[in-house]
């Protein structure tokens, strides 16, 4: 069986993911791939931006539907996730997006 990652947006908020693997090592390898981690960080960023706009106390980031697992994050953790996303954008030298993230973090810190 080939390692696979399929995703789609549900209700414009939660990202649905299906993880397909044959061994535990397949999952470890997937978690170490830049493509996968970038996908997770970018998707988290988009979802958290919407959650901040809607002033949600928590948000579902991912639904790993074939494992019946939902990854949910409380508002108090939005900033720490955004900090990790900002590292990704710094590596990509996307300073405009970093500036937007800093503003979001400031907004969160003022409202928590």
Protein backbone atom coordinates (compact mmCIF):
# COMPACT_ATOMS: atom_id res chain seq x y z
CA UNK A 1 0.00 0.00 0.00
CA UNK A 2 1.37 3.41 -0.91
CA UNK A 3 1.63 6.15 1.67
CA UNK A 4 -1.06 8.62 0.93
CA UNK A 5 -2.46 11.85 2.24
CA UNK A 6 -5.79 13.11 1.06
CA UNK A 7 -7.36 16.30 2.29
CA UNK A 8 -10.42 18.36 1.69
CA UNK A 9 -12.07 21.25 3.40
CA UNK A 10 -15.20 20.57 5.42
CA UNK A 11 -17.54 23.42 6.29
CA UNK A 12 -14.75 25.79 5.28
CA UNK A 13 -13.06 25.27 8.66
CA UNK A 14 -11.91 21.75 9.51
CA UNK A 15 -9.45 20.01 7.20
CA UNK A 16 -10.30 16.36 6.68
CA UNK A 17 -7.32 14.06 6.35
CA UNK A 18 -7.04 10.40 5.50
CA UNK A 19 -3.77 8.75 6.44
CA UNK A 20 -2.98 5.51 4.66
CA UNK A 21 -0.01 3.43 5.77
CA UNK A 22 1.34 -0.09 5.95
CA UNK A 23 3.66 0.27 8.92
CA UNK A 24 4.41 2.58 11.80
CA UNK A 25 7.54 3.65 9.94
CA UNK A 26 5.37 4.96 7.07
CA UNK A 27 3.75 7.39 9.53
CA UNK A 28 7.12 8.42 10.94
CA UNK A 29 8.43 9.02 7.42
CA UNK A 30 5.34 11.05 6.55
CA UNK A 31 5.72 13.24 9.62
CA UNK A 32 9.31 13.99 8.61
CA UNK A 33 8.43 15.11 5.09
CA UNK A 34 8.52 18.87 4.53
CA UNK A 35 5.51 18.62 2.23
CA UNK A 36 3.42 17.14 5.03
CA UNK A 37 4.58 19.50 7.77
CA UNK A 38 4.14 22.52 5.49
CA UNK A 39 0.63 21.33 4.64
CA UNK A 40 -0.21 20.95 8.34
CA UNK A 41 1.19 24.38 9.23
CA UNK A 42 -0.45 26.18 6.31
CA UNK A 43 -3.80 24.54 6.93
CA UNK A 44 -3.57 25.36 10.65
CA UNK A 45 -2.77 28.97 9.80
CA UNK A 46 -5.79 29.35 7.53
CA UNK A 47 -8.12 27.76 10.07
CA UNK A 48 -6.80 29.80 12.98
CA UNK A 49 -7.14 33.03 10.96
CA UNK A 50 -10.84 32.22 10.47
CA UNK A 51 -11.22 31.32 14.14
CA UNK A 52 -9.73 34.66 15.18
CA UNK A 53 -11.98 36.54 12.77
CA UNK A 54 -15.02 34.73 14.19
CA UNK A 55 -13.71 35.05 17.76
CA UNK A 56 -14.05 31.32 18.37
CA UNK A 57 -12.99 29.97 21.79
CA UNK A 58 -11.71 26.79 20.09
CA UNK A 59 -11.41 25.37 16.61
CA UNK A 60 -11.13 21.98 14.96
CA UNK A 61 -7.95 21.99 12.89
CA UNK A 62 -8.07 18.47 11.49
CA UNK A 63 -10.40 15.52 11.23
CA UNK A 64 -8.39 12.37 10.58
CA UNK A 65 -11.51 10.55 9.55
CA UNK A 66 -10.12 7.08 8.98
CA UNK A 67 -8.80 7.08 12.57
CA UNK A 68 -11.83 8.85 14.08
CA UNK A 69 -9.54 11.53 15.51
CA UNK A 70 -10.31 15.23 15.65
CA UNK A 71 -7.55 17.71 16.47
CA UNK A 72 -9.07 20.61 18.37
CA UNK A 73 -7.23 23.65 19.71
CA UNK A 74 -8.32 26.17 22.31
CA UNK A 75 -7.88 29.89 21.75
CA UNK A 76 -5.14 30.01 24.39
CA UNK A 77 -2.97 27.90 22.04
CA UNK A 78 -3.53 29.88 18.82
CA UNK A 79 -0.46 32.06 19.43
CA UNK A 80 1.94 29.15 19.90
CA UNK A 81 0.77 27.55 16.67
CA UNK A 82 1.08 30.85 14.83
CA UNK A 83 4.64 31.20 16.14
CA UNK A 84 5.50 27.86 14.49
CA UNK A 85 3.81 28.94 11.27
CA UNK A 86 5.83 32.15 11.33
CA UNK A 87 9.05 30.11 11.42
CA UNK A 88 7.94 28.42 8.20
CA UNK A 89 7.27 31.77 6.53
CA UNK A 90 10.60 33.15 7.76
CA UNK A 91 12.37 30.19 6.15
CA UNK A 92 10.49 30.96 2.92
CA UNK A 93 11.41 34.64 3.34
CA UNK A 94 7.74 35.58 3.20
CA UNK A 95 8.04 38.60 5.47
CA UNK A 96 4.67 40.03 4.50
CA UNK A 97 2.93 36.96 5.89
CA UNK A 98 5.13 37.09 9.00
CA UNK A 99 3.92 40.63 9.60
CA UNK A 100 0.30 39.47 9.32
CA UNK A 101 0.96 36.67 11.79
CA UNK A 102 2.54 39.08 14.28
CA UNK A 103 -0.59 41.24 14.08
CA UNK A 104 -2.79 38.19 14.66
CA UNK A 105 -0.73 37.16 17.68
CA UNK A 106 -1.00 40.68 19.10
CA UNK A 107 -4.76 40.61 18.55
CA UNK A 108 -5.04 37.26 20.34
CA UNK A 109 -2.89 38.38 23.26
CA UNK A 110 -5.03 41.49 23.70
CA UNK A 111 -8.26 39.47 23.79
CA UNK A 112 -7.27 36.43 25.86
